[in-house]
Amino acid sequence: MFADPSDAKARADYIHTVTKSMSALAEYDYVHGTVLVRVSHYLTPDQAAEYRVAANRLG
């Protein structure tokens, strides 16, 4: 959870940039408002999408 949505987005962008070239660190990241949900890459895309749906339901 971050102070404002732009901080959450900036962190997600940073994580994506850092892990882009390292597949072992890849993950699914979902931003909803001030919340950044980070989900393991060991989940299937369908499983990870369930976390995205849940994140979108956050207040």
C-alpha atoms as a PDB file:
ATOM      1  CA  MET A   1       0.000   0.000   0.000  1.00  0.00           C
ATOM      2  CA  PHE A   2       1.332   3.399  -0.959  1.00  0.00           C
ATOM      3  CA  ALA A   3       0.552   6.999  -0.082  1.00  0.00           C
ATOM      4  CA  ASP A   4      -1.021   7.707  -3.468  1.00  0.00           C
ATOM      5  CA  PRO A   5      -1.791   5.899  -6.740  1.00  0.00           C
ATOM      6  CA  SER A   6       1.174   7.403  -8.584  1.00  0.00           C
ATOM      7  CA  ASP A   7       3.562   5.916  -5.996  1.00  0.00           C
ATOM      8  CA  ALA A   8       2.002   2.476  -6.440  1.00  0.00           C
ATOM      9  CA  LYS A   9       2.265   2.747 -10.230  1.00  0.00           C
ATOM     10  CA  ALA A  10       5.870   3.960 -10.012  1.00  0.00           C
ATOM     11  CA  ARG A  11       6.811   0.972  -7.859  1.00  0.00           C
ATOM     12  CA  ALA A  12       5.086  -1.453 -10.244  1.00  0.00           C
ATOM     13  CA  ASP A  13       6.918   0.134 -13.180  1.00  0.00           C
ATOM     14  CA  TYR A  14      10.236  -0.121 -11.325  1.00  0.00           C
ATOM     15  CA  ILE A  15       9.666  -3.800 -10.503  1.00  0.00           C
ATOM     16  CA  HIS A  16       8.761  -4.507 -14.111  1.00  0.00           C
ATOM     17  CA  THR A  17      11.917  -2.759 -15.342  1.00  0.00           C
ATOM     18  CA  VAL A  18      14.182  -4.631 -12.918  1.00  0.00           C
ATOM     19  CA  THR A  19      12.673  -8.070 -13.486  1.00  0.00           C
ATOM     20  CA  LYS A  20      12.128  -7.759 -17.244  1.00  0.00           C
ATOM     21  CA  SER A  21      15.466  -9.354 -18.086  1.00  0.00           C
ATOM     22  CA  MET A  22      15.423 -11.892 -15.230  1.00  0.00           C
ATOM     23  CA  SER A  23      12.695 -14.442 -15.819  1.00  0.00           C
ATOM     24  CA  ALA A  24      13.355 -16.100 -12.445  1.00  0.00           C
ATOM     25  CA  LEU A  25      12.150 -12.898 -10.776  1.00  0.00           C
ATOM     26  CA  ALA A  26       9.173 -12.308 -13.055  1.00  0.00           C
ATOM     27  CA  GLU A  27       5.806 -11.882 -11.403  1.00  0.00           C
ATOM     28  CA  TYR A  28       2.331 -10.582 -11.998  1.00  0.00           C
ATOM     29  CA  ASP A  29       1.788  -7.067 -10.642  1.00  0.00           C
ATOM     30  CA  TYR A  30      -1.583  -5.387 -10.327  1.00  0.00           C
ATOM     31  CA  VAL A  31      -2.150  -1.804  -9.237  1.00  0.00           C
ATOM     32  CA  HIS A  32      -5.489  -0.652  -7.908  1.00  0.00           C
ATOM     33  CA  GLY A  33      -5.437   2.839  -6.474  1.00  0.00           C
ATOM     34  CA  THR A  34      -2.802   2.918  -3.757  1.00  0.00           C
ATOM     35  CA  VAL A  35      -2.444  -0.879  -3.614  1.00  0.00           C
ATOM     36  CA  LEU A  36       0.157  -2.920  -5.493  1.00  0.00           C
ATOM     37  CA  VAL A  37      -0.570  -6.645  -5.516  1.00  0.00           C
ATOM     38  CA  ARG A  38       2.448  -8.793  -6.405  1.00  0.00           C
ATOM     39  CA  VAL A  39       1.692 -12.393  -7.428  1.00  0.00           C
ATOM     40  CA  SER A  40       4.160 -15.225  -7.970  1.00  0.00           C
ATOM     41  CA  HIS A  41       5.059 -16.248 -11.504  1.00  0.00           C
ATOM     42  CA  TYR A  42       4.528 -19.853 -10.444  1.00  0.00           C
ATOM     43  CA  LEU A  43       0.776 -19.329 -10.806  1.00  0.00           C
ATOM     44  CA  THR A  44      -0.887 -19.859 -14.136  1.00  0.00           C
ATOM     45  CA  PRO A  45      -2.133 -16.762 -15.947  1.00  0.00           C
ATOM     46  CA  ASP A  46      -5.713 -17.761 -15.037  1.00  0.00           C
ATOM     47  CA  GLN A  47      -4.828 -18.119 -11.355  1.00  0.00           C
ATOM     48  CA  ALA A  48      -3.006 -14.797 -11.348  1.00  0.00           C
ATOM     49  CA  ALA A  49      -5.993 -13.160 -13.034  1.00  0.00           C
ATOM     50  CA  GLU A  50      -8.083 -14.084 -10.008  1.00  0.00           C
ATOM     51  CA  TYR A  51      -5.815 -11.861  -7.933  1.00  0.00           C
ATOM     52  CA  ARG A  52      -6.276  -9.052 -10.455  1.00  0.00           C
ATOM     53  CA  VAL A  53     -10.049  -9.380 -10.111  1.00  0.00           C
ATOM     54  CA  ALA A  54      -9.731  -9.327  -6.318  1.00  0.00           C
ATOM     55  CA  ALA A  55      -7.452  -6.280  -6.455  1.00  0.00           C
ATOM     56  CA  ASN A  56      -9.972  -4.461  -8.606  1.00  0.00           C
ATOM     57  CA  ARG A  57     -12.604  -5.051  -5.933  1.00  0.00           C
ATOM     58  CA  LEU A  58     -10.548  -3.270  -3.255  1.00  0.00           C
ATOM     59  CA  GLY A  59     -12.108  -0.099  -1.926  1.00  0.00           C
END
